Amino acid sequence: MTRRHKPAPKTFQQRQTEQRLRDDGDRAVVEDMASRFSCSSGVAKDFAGQCEERLVDLDFDLLCSELALGFWADPPPAALPVVDALRELEAERRRYRAALSQLRERLLELTRGPAAHQHLSLPISHYQGLIRDRLFPGLKLRPVQNPAVSGEH
């Protein structure tokens, strides 16, 4: 029988490097979200994409509901409350899917044309700070090097 060896403990430098890489990834999320969320077209496209992701999930859930309800098409009386709840859940998912689909189309329609492309008036660093404080408290943001390139208004 072989003995499992514990991995060698990480050095201080390895731990620092890993933390820096995690922080860099978190900063990239903050910067990307601030850029998208401070632009009317960007936020509309982002949320339309979120709707699309939920629609894909709902399509799978509805497929599973149809399968399960097919199995229980003729339930014994004792199982009828469960089947009724499954039917109610399926109906709710269909309503939710319809609402998300309409909102997705509305958001995408709002992104068309130059009037739909507006930016918030505060500097991008303000929005980065709000996102960082909410999602990654304690994360230090990168200093803005060139306001024209970084989207500072």
C-alpha atoms as a PDB file:
ATOM      1  CA  MET A   1       0.000   0.000   0.000  1.00  0.00           C
ATOM      2  CA  THR A   2       1.399   3.377  -0.917  1.00  0.00           C
ATOM      3  CA  ARG A   3       1.312   6.330   1.367  1.00  0.00           C
ATOM      4  CA  ARG A   4      -0.166   9.543   0.149  1.00  0.00           C
ATOM      5  CA  HIS A   5       2.120  12.449   0.658  1.00  0.00           C
ATOM      6  CA  LYS A   6       0.762  15.819   1.554  1.00  0.00           C
ATOM      7  CA  PRO A   7       1.663  18.480  -0.979  1.00  0.00           C
ATOM      8  CA  ALA A   8       4.512  20.661   0.142  1.00  0.00           C
ATOM      9  CA  PRO A   9       3.282  23.757   1.935  1.00  0.00           C
ATOM     10  CA  LYS A  10       3.192  26.805  -0.268  1.00  0.00           C
ATOM     11  CA  THR A  11       5.797  29.432   0.209  1.00  0.00           C
ATOM     12  CA  PHE A  12       4.916  32.967   1.186  1.00  0.00           C
ATOM     13  CA  GLN A  13       5.753  34.086  -2.351  1.00  0.00           C
ATOM     14  CA  GLN A  14       3.449  31.439  -3.878  1.00  0.00           C
ATOM     15  CA  ARG A  15       0.592  32.516  -1.608  1.00  0.00           C
ATOM     16  CA  GLN A  16       1.199  36.172  -2.488  1.00  0.00           C
ATOM     17  CA  THR A  17       1.238  35.364  -6.210  1.00  0.00           C
ATOM     18  CA  GLU A  18      -2.012  33.402  -5.958  1.00  0.00           C
ATOM     19  CA  GLN A  19      -3.660  36.240  -4.014  1.00  0.00           C
ATOM     20  CA  ARG A  20      -2.453  38.796  -6.578  1.00  0.00           C
ATOM     21  CA  LEU A  21      -3.903  36.686  -9.402  1.00  0.00           C
ATOM     22  CA  ARG A  22      -7.247  36.389  -7.572  1.00  0.00           C
ATOM     23  CA  ASP A  23      -7.267  40.138  -6.940  1.00  0.00           C
ATOM     24  CA  ASP A  24      -6.430  40.826 -10.604  1.00  0.00           C
ATOM     25  CA  GLY A  25      -9.386  38.681 -11.655  1.00  0.00           C
ATOM     26  CA  ASP A  26     -11.688  40.457  -9.198  1.00  0.00           C
ATOM     27  CA  ARG A  27     -10.467  43.854 -10.436  1.00  0.00           C
ATOM     28  CA  ALA A  28     -11.179  42.811 -14.024  1.00  0.00           C
ATOM     29  CA  VAL A  29     -14.746  41.885 -13.005  1.00  0.00           C
ATOM     30  CA  VAL A  30     -15.197  45.257 -11.286  1.00  0.00           C
ATOM     31  CA  GLU A  31     -13.809  47.191 -14.258  1.00  0.00           C
ATOM     32  CA  ASP A  32     -15.885  45.249 -16.775  1.00  0.00           C
ATOM     33  CA  MET A  33     -19.108  45.620 -14.771  1.00  0.00           C
ATOM     34  CA  ALA A  34     -18.557  49.343 -14.228  1.00  0.00           C
ATOM     35  CA  SER A  35     -17.945  49.840 -17.933  1.00  0.00           C
ATOM     36  CA  ARG A  36     -21.066  47.905 -18.946  1.00  0.00           C
ATOM     37  CA  PHE A  37     -23.371  49.164 -16.188  1.00  0.00           C
ATOM     38  CA  SER A  38     -22.506  52.854 -16.695  1.00  0.00           C
ATOM     39  CA  CYS A  39     -23.508  52.687 -20.386  1.00  0.00           C
ATOM     40  CA  SER A  40     -27.221  52.398 -21.228  1.00  0.00           C
ATOM     41  CA  SER A  41     -26.555  50.173 -24.217  1.00  0.00           C
ATOM     42  CA  GLY A  42     -24.042  48.046 -22.312  1.00  0.00           C
ATOM     43  CA  VAL A  43     -26.326  47.442 -19.344  1.00  0.00           C
ATOM     44  CA  ALA A  44     -29.276  46.640 -21.619  1.00  0.00           C
ATOM     45  CA  LYS A  45     -27.206  44.111 -23.575  1.00  0.00           C
ATOM     46  CA  ASP A  46     -25.831  42.586 -20.366  1.00  0.00           C
ATOM     47  CA  PHE A  47     -29.268  42.092 -18.855  1.00  0.00           C
ATOM     48  CA  ALA A  48     -30.677  40.806 -22.154  1.00  0.00           C
ATOM     49  CA  GLY A  49     -27.870  38.230 -22.024  1.00  0.00           C
ATOM     50  CA  GLN A  50     -28.834  37.328 -18.463  1.00  0.00           C
ATOM     51  CA  CYS A  51     -32.410  36.831 -19.652  1.00  0.00           C
ATOM     52  CA  GLU A  52     -31.140  34.548 -22.424  1.00  0.00           C
ATOM     53  CA  GLU A  53     -29.178  32.449 -19.916  1.00  0.00           C
ATOM     54  CA  ARG A  54     -32.269  32.062 -17.724  1.00  0.00           C
ATOM     55  CA  LEU A  55     -34.348  31.137 -20.788  1.00  0.00           C
ATOM     56  CA  VAL A  56     -31.937  28.317 -21.626  1.00  0.00           C
ATOM     57  CA  ASP A  57     -32.181  27.067 -18.026  1.00  0.00           C
ATOM     58  CA  LEU A  58     -35.963  27.344 -18.083  1.00  0.00           C
ATOM     59  CA  ASP A  59     -36.197  25.411 -21.349  1.00  0.00           C
ATOM     60  CA  PHE A  60     -34.337  22.547 -19.693  1.00  0.00           C
ATOM     61  CA  ASP A  61     -36.508  22.786 -16.564  1.00  0.00           C
ATOM     62  CA  LEU A  62     -39.652  22.721 -18.709  1.00  0.00           C
ATOM     63  CA  LEU A  63     -38.389  19.681 -20.572  1.00  0.00           C
ATOM     64  CA  CYS A  64     -37.827  17.936 -17.238  1.00  0.00           C
ATOM     65  CA  SER A  65     -41.294  18.980 -16.065  1.00  0.00           C
ATOM     66  CA  GLU A  66     -42.865  17.540 -19.203  1.00  0.00           C
ATOM     67  CA  LEU A  67     -41.022  14.258 -18.663  1.00  0.00           C
ATOM     68  CA  ALA A  68     -42.019  14.010 -15.010  1.00  0.00           C
ATOM     69  CA  LEU A  69     -45.632  14.930 -15.714  1.00  0.00           C
ATOM     70  CA  GLY A  70     -45.666  12.358 -18.497  1.00  0.00           C
ATOM     71  CA  PHE A  71     -44.602   9.709 -15.991  1.00  0.00           C
ATOM     72  CA  TRP A  72     -47.376  10.838 -13.635  1.00  0.00           C
ATOM     73  CA  ALA A  73     -50.113  11.319 -16.262  1.00  0.00           C
ATOM     74  CA  ASP A  74     -52.436   8.959 -14.382  1.00  0.00           C
ATOM     75  CA  PRO A  75     -51.413   9.326 -10.727  1.00  0.00           C
ATOM     76  CA  PRO A  76     -52.891   7.372  -7.865  1.00  0.00           C
ATOM     77  CA  PRO A  77     -55.126   9.574  -5.701  1.00  0.00           C
ATOM     78  CA  ALA A  78     -52.564   9.776  -2.910  1.00  0.00           C
ATOM     79  CA  ALA A  79     -49.974  11.299  -5.317  1.00  0.00           C
ATOM     80  CA  LEU A  80     -52.369  13.847  -6.817  1.00  0.00           C
ATOM     81  CA  PRO A  81     -51.210  16.719  -4.530  1.00  0.00           C
ATOM     82  CA  VAL A  82     -47.628  16.194  -5.728  1.00  0.00           C
ATOM     83  CA  VAL A  83     -48.702  16.111  -9.376  1.00  0.00           C
ATOM     84  CA  ASP A  84     -50.837  19.239  -8.890  1.00  0.00           C
ATOM     85  CA  ALA A  85     -47.826  21.041  -7.411  1.00  0.00           C
ATOM     86  CA  LEU A  86     -45.688  19.914 -10.372  1.00  0.00           C
ATOM     87  CA  ARG A  87     -48.315  21.241 -12.805  1.00  0.00           C
ATOM     88  CA  GLU A  88     -48.450  24.528 -10.933  1.00  0.00           C
ATOM     89  CA  LEU A  89     -44.657  24.794 -11.029  1.00  0.00           C
ATOM     90  CA  GLU A  90     -44.636  24.107 -14.770  1.00  0.00           C
ATOM     91  CA  ALA A  91     -47.275  26.796 -15.369  1.00  0.00           C
ATOM     92  CA  GLU A  92     -45.263  29.286 -13.293  1.00  0.00           C
ATOM     93  CA  ARG A  93     -42.109  28.476 -15.241  1.00  0.00           C
ATOM     94  CA  ARG A  94     -44.000  29.067 -18.504  1.00  0.00           C
ATOM     95  CA  ARG A  95     -45.217  32.472 -17.267  1.00  0.00           C
ATOM     96  CA  TYR A  96     -41.708  33.356 -16.117  1.00  0.00           C
ATOM     97  CA  ARG A  97     -40.271  32.259 -19.462  1.00  0.00           C
ATOM     98  CA  ALA A  98     -42.758  34.423 -21.366  1.00  0.00           C
ATOM     99  CA  ALA A  99     -41.962  37.466 -19.188  1.00  0.00           C
ATOM    100  CA  LEU A 100     -38.185  36.999 -19.578  1.00  0.00           C
ATOM    101  CA  SER A 101     -38.527  36.555 -23.321  1.00  0.00           C
ATOM    102  CA  GLN A 102     -40.503  39.796 -23.648  1.00  0.00           C
ATOM    103  CA  LEU A 103     -38.056  41.707 -21.458  1.00  0.00           C
ATOM    104  CA  ARG A 104     -35.085  40.344 -23.399  1.00  0.00           C
ATOM    105  CA  GLU A 105     -36.570  41.528 -26.686  1.00  0.00           C
ATOM    106  CA  ARG A 106     -37.446  44.907 -25.181  1.00  0.00           C
ATOM    107  CA  LEU A 107     -33.919  45.382 -23.839  1.00  0.00           C
ATOM    108  CA  LEU A 108     -32.368  44.448 -27.179  1.00  0.00           C
ATOM    109  CA  GLU A 109     -34.706  46.820 -29.025  1.00  0.00           C
ATOM    110  CA  LEU A 110     -33.678  49.631 -26.683  1.00  0.00           C
ATOM    111  CA  THR A 111     -30.015  49.173 -27.651  1.00  0.00           C
ATOM    112  CA  ARG A 112     -30.651  50.018 -31.296  1.00  0.00           C
ATOM    113  CA  GLY A 113     -29.986  53.539 -32.491  1.00  0.00           C
ATOM    114  CA  PRO A 114     -27.695  56.329 -31.299  1.00  0.00           C
ATOM    115  CA  ALA A 115     -30.169  57.740 -28.775  1.00  0.00           C
ATOM    116  CA  ALA A 116     -29.940  54.514 -26.781  1.00  0.00           C
ATOM    117  CA  HIS A 117     -26.202  54.894 -26.174  1.00  0.00           C
ATOM    118  CA  GLN A 118     -25.869  57.092 -23.083  1.00  0.00           C
ATOM    119  CA  HIS A 119     -23.274  57.200 -20.299  1.00  0.00           C
ATOM    120  CA  LEU A 120     -23.680  58.158 -16.669  1.00  0.00           C
ATOM    121  CA  SER A 121     -22.091  61.463 -15.735  1.00  0.00           C
ATOM    122  CA  LEU A 122     -19.834  60.503 -12.819  1.00  0.00           C
ATOM    123  CA  PRO A 123     -16.290  59.205 -13.377  1.00  0.00           C
ATOM    124  CA  ILE A 124     -16.002  55.471 -14.004  1.00  0.00           C
ATOM    125  CA  SER A 125     -13.956  55.157 -10.800  1.00  0.00           C
ATOM    126  CA  HIS A 126     -17.087  56.089  -8.830  1.00  0.00           C
ATOM    127  CA  TYR A 127     -19.003  53.116 -10.257  1.00  0.00           C
ATOM    128  CA  GLN A 128     -15.999  50.832  -9.854  1.00  0.00           C
ATOM    129  CA  GLY A 129     -15.915  51.765  -6.186  1.00  0.00           C
ATOM    130  CA  LEU A 130     -19.614  50.993  -5.745  1.00  0.00           C
ATOM    131  CA  ILE A 131     -19.216  47.581  -7.374  1.00  0.00           C
ATOM    132  CA  ARG A 132     -16.041  46.781  -5.459  1.00  0.00           C
ATOM    133  CA  ASP A 133     -17.636  47.742  -2.129  1.00  0.00           C
ATOM    134  CA  ARG A 134     -20.650  45.527  -2.815  1.00  0.00           C
ATOM    135  CA  LEU A 135     -18.954  42.484  -4.354  1.00  0.00           C
ATOM    136  CA  PHE A 136     -15.333  42.547  -3.193  1.00  0.00           C
ATOM    137  CA  PRO A 137     -14.976  44.595   0.018  1.00  0.00           C
ATOM    138  CA  GLY A 138     -11.354  45.371   0.763  1.00  0.00           C
ATOM    139  CA  LEU A 139     -10.166  44.953  -2.813  1.00  0.00           C
ATOM    140  CA  LYS A 140      -7.788  47.712  -3.873  1.00  0.00           C
ATOM    141  CA  LEU A 141      -8.580  49.111  -7.316  1.00  0.00           C
ATOM    142  CA  ARG A 142      -5.896  50.010  -9.825  1.00  0.00           C
ATOM    143  CA  PRO A 143      -5.187  53.724 -10.099  1.00  0.00           C
ATOM    144  CA  VAL A 144      -6.489  55.352 -13.265  1.00  0.00           C
ATOM    145  CA  GLN A 145      -3.533  55.945 -15.584  1.00  0.00           C
ATOM    146  CA  ASN A 146      -5.184  57.838 -18.417  1.00  0.00           C
ATOM    147  CA  PRO A 147      -8.698  59.207 -17.852  1.00  0.00           C
ATOM    148  CA  ALA A 148      -9.428  59.308 -21.606  1.00  0.00           C
ATOM    149  CA  VAL A 149      -8.624  55.613 -22.037  1.00  0.00           C
ATOM    150  CA  SER A 150     -10.306  54.444 -18.837  1.00  0.00           C
ATOM    151  CA  GLY A 151     -13.640  56.049 -19.600  1.00  0.00           C
ATOM    152  CA  GLU A 152     -13.450  58.824 -17.013  1.00  0.00           C
ATOM    153  CA  HIS A 153     -15.909  61.543 -17.918  1.00  0.00           C
END
